[in-house]
PDB file of N, CA and C in Angstrom:
ATOM      1  N   UNK A   1      12.896 -25.820   3.493  1.00  0.00           N
ATOM      2  CA  UNK A   1      11.544 -25.417   3.144  1.00  0.00           C
ATOM      3  C   UNK A   1      11.559 -25.688   1.632  1.00  0.00           C
ATOM      4  N   UNK A   2      12.510 -25.151   0.861  1.00  0.00           N
ATOM      5  CA  UNK A   2      12.339 -25.234  -0.633  1.00  0.00           C
ATOM      6  C   UNK A   2      13.200 -26.557  -0.908  1.00  0.00           C
ATOM      7  N   UNK A   3      12.547 -27.420  -1.916  1.00  0.00           N
ATOM      8  CA  UNK A   3      13.216 -28.632  -2.102  1.00  0.00           C
ATOM      9  C   UNK A   3      14.227 -28.661  -3.210  1.00  0.00           C
ATOM     10  N   UNK A   4      13.878 -27.951  -4.367  1.00  0.00           N
ATOM     11  CA  UNK A   4      14.742 -27.827  -5.564  1.00  0.00           C
ATOM     12  C   UNK A   4      15.621 -26.891  -5.335  1.00  0.00           C
ATOM     13  N   UNK A   5      16.799 -26.936  -5.668  1.00  0.00           N
ATOM     14  CA  UNK A   5      17.980 -25.858  -5.470  1.00  0.00           C
ATOM     15  C   UNK A   5      17.644 -24.741  -6.352  1.00  0.00           C
ATOM     16  N   UNK A   6      17.911 -23.706  -5.924  1.00  0.00           N
ATOM     17  CA  UNK A   6      17.880 -22.254  -6.621  1.00  0.00           C
ATOM     18  C   UNK A   6      18.844 -22.070  -7.448  1.00  0.00           C
ATOM     19  N   UNK A   7      18.810 -21.720  -8.872  1.00  0.00           N
ATOM     20  CA  UNK A   7      19.849 -21.699  -9.580  1.00  0.00           C
ATOM     21  C   UNK A   7      20.320 -20.142 -10.241  1.00  0.00           C
ATOM     22  N   UNK A   8      19.223 -19.339 -10.049  1.00  0.00           N
ATOM     23  CA  UNK A   8      19.616 -18.104 -10.513  1.00  0.00           C
ATOM     24  C   UNK A   8      19.863 -17.165  -9.392  1.00  0.00           C
ATOM     25  N   UNK A   9      20.676 -16.013  -9.327  1.00  0.00           N
ATOM     26  CA  UNK A   9      20.928 -15.189  -8.228  1.00  0.00           C
ATOM     27  C   UNK A   9      19.772 -14.297  -8.129  1.00  0.00           C
ATOM     28  N   UNK A  10      18.960 -14.079  -8.954  1.00  0.00           N
ATOM     29  CA  UNK A  10      17.929 -13.218  -8.734  1.00  0.00           C
ATOM     30  C   UNK A  10      16.826 -13.710  -7.758  1.00  0.00           C
ATOM     31  N   UNK A  11      16.795 -15.131  -8.054  1.00  0.00           N
ATOM     32  CA  UNK A  11      15.631 -15.838  -6.904  1.00  0.00           C
ATOM     33  C   UNK A  11      16.240 -15.802  -5.901  1.00  0.00           C
ATOM     34  N   UNK A  12      17.588 -16.079  -5.641  1.00  0.00           N
ATOM     35  CA  UNK A  12      18.271 -16.215  -4.127  1.00  0.00           C
ATOM     36  C   UNK A  12      18.159 -14.756  -3.599  1.00  0.00           C
ATOM     37  N   UNK A  13      18.565 -13.782  -4.500  1.00  0.00           N
ATOM     38  CA  UNK A  13      18.274 -12.495  -3.860  1.00  0.00           C
ATOM     39  C   UNK A  13      16.782 -12.040  -3.498  1.00  0.00           C
ATOM     40  N   UNK A  14      15.808 -12.602  -4.172  1.00  0.00           N
ATOM     41  CA  UNK A  14      14.435 -12.213  -3.857  1.00  0.00           C
ATOM     42  C   UNK A  14      14.206 -12.982  -2.376  1.00  0.00           C
ATOM     43  N   UNK A  15      14.661 -14.225  -2.485  1.00  0.00           N
ATOM     44  CA  UNK A  15      14.325 -14.928  -1.321  1.00  0.00           C
ATOM     45  C   UNK A  15      14.851 -14.364  -0.055  1.00  0.00           C
ATOM     46  N   UNK A  16      16.203 -14.112  -0.083  1.00  0.00           N
ATOM     47  CA  UNK A  16      16.797 -13.507   1.047  1.00  0.00           C
ATOM     48  C   UNK A  16      16.062 -12.004   1.325  1.00  0.00           C
ATOM     49  N   UNK A  17      15.461 -11.312   0.360  1.00  0.00           N
ATOM     50  CA  UNK A  17      14.710 -10.163   0.645  1.00  0.00           C
ATOM     51  C   UNK A  17      13.398 -10.349   1.423  1.00  0.00           C
ATOM     52  N   UNK A  18      12.804 -11.383   0.820  1.00  0.00           N
ATOM     53  CA  UNK A  18      11.524 -11.862   1.472  1.00  0.00           C
ATOM     54  C   UNK A  18      11.784 -12.229   2.978  1.00  0.00           C
ATOM     55  N   UNK A  19      12.788 -13.141   3.199  1.00  0.00           N
ATOM     56  CA  UNK A  19      13.002 -13.388   4.662  1.00  0.00           C
ATOM     57  C   UNK A  19      13.534 -12.290   5.481  1.00  0.00           C
ATOM     58  N   UNK A  20      14.199 -11.118   4.930  1.00  0.00           N
ATOM     59  CA  UNK A  20      14.454  -9.993   5.681  1.00  0.00           C
ATOM     60  C   UNK A  20      13.292  -9.254   5.995  1.00  0.00           C
ATOM     61  N   UNK A  21      12.409  -9.311   4.881  1.00  0.00           N
ATOM     62  CA  UNK A  21      11.185  -8.335   5.163  1.00  0.00           C
ATOM     63  C   UNK A  21      10.088  -9.191   6.146  1.00  0.00           C
ATOM     64  N   UNK A  22      10.294 -10.323   6.272  1.00  0.00           N
ATOM     65  CA  UNK A  22       9.344 -11.080   7.202  1.00  0.00           C
ATOM     66  C   UNK A  22       9.965 -10.836   8.623  1.00  0.00           C
ATOM     67  N   UNK A  23      11.173 -11.130   8.656  1.00  0.00           N
ATOM     68  CA  UNK A  23      11.852 -10.769  10.061  1.00  0.00           C
ATOM     69  C   UNK A  23      11.756  -9.487  10.473  1.00  0.00           C
ATOM     70  N   UNK A  24      11.948  -8.455   9.579  1.00  0.00           N
ATOM     71  CA  UNK A  24      11.504  -7.190  10.067  1.00  0.00           C
ATOM     72  C   UNK A  24       9.935  -6.861  10.521  1.00  0.00           C
ATOM     73  N   UNK A  25       8.984  -7.380   9.811  1.00  0.00           N
ATOM     74  CA  UNK A  25       7.818  -7.246  10.059  1.00  0.00           C
ATOM     75  C   UNK A  25       7.424  -7.952  11.365  1.00  0.00           C
ATOM     76  N   UNK A  26       8.118  -9.069  11.687  1.00  0.00           N
ATOM     77  CA  UNK A  26       8.061  -9.680  12.980  1.00  0.00           C
ATOM     78  C   UNK A  26       8.719  -8.921  13.964  1.00  0.00           C
ATOM     79  N   UNK A  27       9.747  -8.107  13.773  1.00  0.00           N
ATOM     80  CA  UNK A  27      10.375  -7.556  14.780  1.00  0.00           C
ATOM     81  C   UNK A  27       9.419  -6.114  15.224  1.00  0.00           C
ATOM     82  N   UNK A  28       8.960  -5.410  14.157  1.00  0.00           N
ATOM     83  CA  UNK A  28       7.898  -4.561  14.317  1.00  0.00           C
ATOM     84  C   UNK A  28       6.788  -4.820  14.914  1.00  0.00           C
ATOM     85  N   UNK A  29       6.415  -5.949  14.623  1.00  0.00           N
ATOM     86  CA  UNK A  29       5.105  -6.329  15.459  1.00  0.00           C
ATOM     87  C   UNK A  29       5.421  -6.605  16.967  1.00  0.00           C
ATOM     88  N   UNK A  30       6.449  -7.064  17.263  1.00  0.00           N
ATOM     89  CA  UNK A  30       6.914  -7.319  18.463  1.00  0.00           C
ATOM     90  C   UNK A  30       7.237  -6.199  19.289  1.00  0.00           C
ATOM     91  N   UNK A  31       7.828  -5.095  18.913  1.00  0.00           N
ATOM     92  CA  UNK A  31       8.010  -3.834  19.169  1.00  0.00           C
ATOM     93  C   UNK A  31       6.867  -3.124  19.498  1.00  0.00           C
ATOM     94  N   UNK A  32       5.747  -3.107  18.698  1.00  0.00           N
ATOM     95  CA  UNK A  32       4.656  -2.494  18.752  1.00  0.00           C
ATOM     96  C   UNK A  32       3.691  -3.015  19.817  1.00  0.00           C
ATOM     97  N   UNK A  33       3.743  -4.411  20.074  1.00  0.00           N
ATOM     98  CA  UNK A  33       3.258  -5.105  21.213  1.00  0.00           C
ATOM     99  C   UNK A  33       3.529  -4.760  22.478  1.00  0.00           C
ATOM    100  N   UNK A  34       5.042  -4.456  22.422  1.00  0.00           N
ATOM    101  CA  UNK A  34       5.642  -4.177  23.701  1.00  0.00           C
ATOM    102  C   UNK A  34       5.272  -2.701  24.080  1.00  0.00           C
ATOM    103  N   UNK A  35       5.281  -1.931  23.241  1.00  0.00           N
ATOM    104  CA  UNK A  35       4.800  -0.468  23.419  1.00  0.00           C
ATOM    105  C   UNK A  35       3.395  -0.338  24.044  1.00  0.00           C
ATOM    106  N   UNK A  36       2.440  -1.127  23.273  1.00  0.00           N
ATOM    107  CA  UNK A  36       0.977  -1.234  23.530  1.00  0.00           C
ATOM    108  C   UNK A  36       0.857  -1.581  24.978  1.00  0.00           C
ATOM    109  N   UNK A  37       1.762  -2.722  25.386  1.00  0.00           N
ATOM    110  CA  UNK A  37       1.735  -3.443  26.552  1.00  0.00           C
ATOM    111  C   UNK A  37       1.874  -2.481  27.922  1.00  0.00           C
ATOM    112  N   UNK A  38       3.101  -1.716  27.346  1.00  0.00           N
ATOM    113  CA  UNK A  38       3.683  -0.722  28.384  1.00  0.00           C
ATOM    114  C   UNK A  38       2.783   0.387  28.471  1.00  0.00           C
ATOM    115  N   UNK A  39       1.857   0.803  27.703  1.00  0.00           N
ATOM    116  CA  UNK A  39       0.921   1.627  27.625  1.00  0.00           C
ATOM    117  C   UNK A  39      -0.312   1.363  28.470  1.00  0.00           C
ATOM    118  N   UNK A  40      -0.597   0.280  28.348  1.00  0.00           N
ATOM    119  CA  UNK A  40      -1.845  -0.447  28.950  1.00  0.00           C
ATOM    120  C   UNK A  40      -1.486  -0.465  30.592  1.00  0.00           C
ATOM    121  N   UNK A  41      -0.236  -0.962  30.791  1.00  0.00           N
ATOM    122  CA  UNK A  41       0.303  -1.058  32.262  1.00  0.00           C
ATOM    123  C   UNK A  41       0.172   0.193  32.802  1.00  0.00           C
ATOM    124  N   UNK A  42       0.701   1.201  32.275  1.00  0.00           N
ATOM    125  CA  UNK A  42       0.909   2.580  32.616  1.00  0.00           C
ATOM    126  C   UNK A  42      -0.514   3.179  33.033  1.00  0.00           C
ATOM    127  N   UNK A  43      -1.683   2.915  31.979  1.00  0.00           N
ATOM    128  CA  UNK A  43      -2.766   3.230  32.326  1.00  0.00           C
ATOM    129  C   UNK A  43      -3.338   2.519  33.474  1.00  0.00           C
ATOM    130  N   UNK A  44      -3.187   1.175  33.702  1.00  0.00           N
ATOM    131  CA  UNK A  44      -3.769   0.550  34.786  1.00  0.00           C
ATOM    132  C   UNK A  44      -3.039   0.797  35.958  1.00  0.00           C
ATOM    133  N   UNK A  45      -2.105   1.202  35.978  1.00  0.00           N
ATOM    134  CA  UNK A  45      -1.518   1.658  37.282  1.00  0.00           C
ATOM    135  C   UNK A  45      -1.859   2.907  37.798  1.00  0.00           C
ATOM    136  N   UNK A  46      -2.490   4.002  37.043  1.00  0.00           N
ATOM    137  CA  UNK A  46      -2.641   5.112  37.221  1.00  0.00           C
ATOM    138  C   UNK A  46      -4.072   5.063  37.785  1.00  0.00           C
ATOM    139  N   UNK A  47      -5.093   4.019  37.413  1.00  0.00           N
ATOM    140  CA  UNK A  47      -6.377   3.969  38.018  1.00  0.00           C
ATOM    141  C   UNK A  47      -6.332   3.639  39.176  1.00  0.00           C
TER     142      UNK A  47
END
């Protein structure tokens, strides 16, 4: 994705932190959708 090499350790650390945060937010989104889907299925089966 990035064409030019990163030379400073701070930029590499920030890039790794940004990647970890985006992965964490994707995982949190997936978990919340799973919980929401389970709640909707439980409500639908109750009716």
